[in-house]
């Protein structure tokens, strides 16, 4: 029997989250794969709506980046 290695397809993802911290709305960006992830605090905003708009833009930009396609957590 041949010793074949299984190919594991790593799912990479980008996620944004808006959290309330001391009355300010903070956008967090999380980038990861099936094994690990990294969370970055991006910016704080005075209103939840502004933070949600920014989170959407940040997420779309991160998904578009070529670096994300080749993203590795070493």
Protein backbone atom coordinates (compact mmCIF):
# COMPACT_ATOMS: atom_id res chain seq x y z
CA UNK A 1 0.00 0.00 0.00
CA UNK A 2 1.31 3.41 -0.94
CA UNK A 3 1.93 5.90 1.87
CA UNK A 4 -0.13 8.81 0.55
CA UNK A 5 -0.31 12.08 2.40
CA UNK A 6 -3.66 13.71 2.82
CA UNK A 7 -3.99 17.22 1.48
CA UNK A 8 -5.48 19.55 4.04
CA UNK A 9 -7.15 22.63 2.65
CA UNK A 10 -6.76 25.44 5.13
CA UNK A 11 -9.67 27.80 5.24
CA UNK A 12 -8.49 31.35 5.63
CA UNK A 13 -10.87 33.97 6.94
CA UNK A 14 -11.19 37.64 7.79
CA UNK A 15 -13.63 38.75 10.46
CA UNK A 16 -14.39 42.17 11.92
CA UNK A 17 -16.07 42.88 15.21
CA UNK A 18 -17.36 46.10 16.77
CA UNK A 19 -17.14 46.29 20.57
CA UNK A 20 -18.15 48.95 23.06
CA UNK A 21 -15.25 49.97 25.29
CA UNK A 22 -15.83 52.77 27.80
CA UNK A 23 -18.45 54.47 25.65
CA UNK A 24 -16.36 54.31 22.46
CA UNK A 25 -16.90 51.83 19.62
CA UNK A 26 -13.80 49.86 18.66
CA UNK A 27 -13.24 47.88 15.45
CA UNK A 28 -11.24 44.67 15.71
CA UNK A 29 -9.93 42.72 12.73
CA UNK A 30 -9.31 39.00 13.06
CA UNK A 31 -7.37 37.08 10.40
CA UNK A 32 -6.82 33.38 10.63
CA UNK A 33 -6.91 29.89 9.25
CA UNK A 34 -7.98 26.50 10.60
CA UNK A 35 -5.10 26.35 13.09
CA UNK A 36 -4.64 29.85 14.49
CA UNK A 37 -5.72 33.47 14.25
CA UNK A 38 -4.50 36.97 15.01
CA UNK A 39 -6.68 39.82 16.26
CA UNK A 40 -5.79 43.48 15.70
CA UNK A 41 -7.38 46.52 17.32
CA UNK A 42 -7.91 48.88 14.40
CA UNK A 43 -9.58 52.11 15.53
CA UNK A 44 -12.13 53.56 17.91
CA UNK A 45 -15.14 55.65 16.88
CA UNK A 46 -17.61 57.91 18.65
CA UNK A 47 -20.70 56.17 17.25
CA UNK A 48 -21.62 52.56 16.62
CA UNK A 49 -22.79 53.35 13.08
CA UNK A 50 -19.42 54.84 12.11
CA UNK A 51 -17.63 51.81 13.54
CA UNK A 52 -19.91 49.43 11.62
CA UNK A 53 -19.29 51.28 8.36
CA UNK A 54 -15.53 51.22 8.96
CA UNK A 55 -15.62 47.52 9.87
CA UNK A 56 -17.33 46.70 6.58
CA UNK A 57 -14.81 48.68 4.56
CA UNK A 58 -11.86 47.18 6.44
CA UNK A 59 -13.14 43.65 5.96
CA UNK A 60 -13.67 44.08 2.22
CA UNK A 61 -10.21 45.62 1.81
CA UNK A 62 -8.57 42.82 3.79
CA UNK A 63 -10.30 40.14 1.71
CA UNK A 64 -9.12 41.86 -1.49
CA UNK A 65 -5.47 41.98 -0.48
CA UNK A 66 -3.07 39.63 -2.26
CA UNK A 67 -1.27 39.24 1.05
CA UNK A 68 -4.35 37.64 2.55
CA UNK A 69 -4.41 34.98 -0.16
CA UNK A 70 -0.87 34.00 0.81
CA UNK A 71 -1.38 34.69 4.51
CA UNK A 72 0.59 32.48 6.90
CA UNK A 73 0.66 32.49 10.67
CA UNK A 74 4.21 31.46 11.53
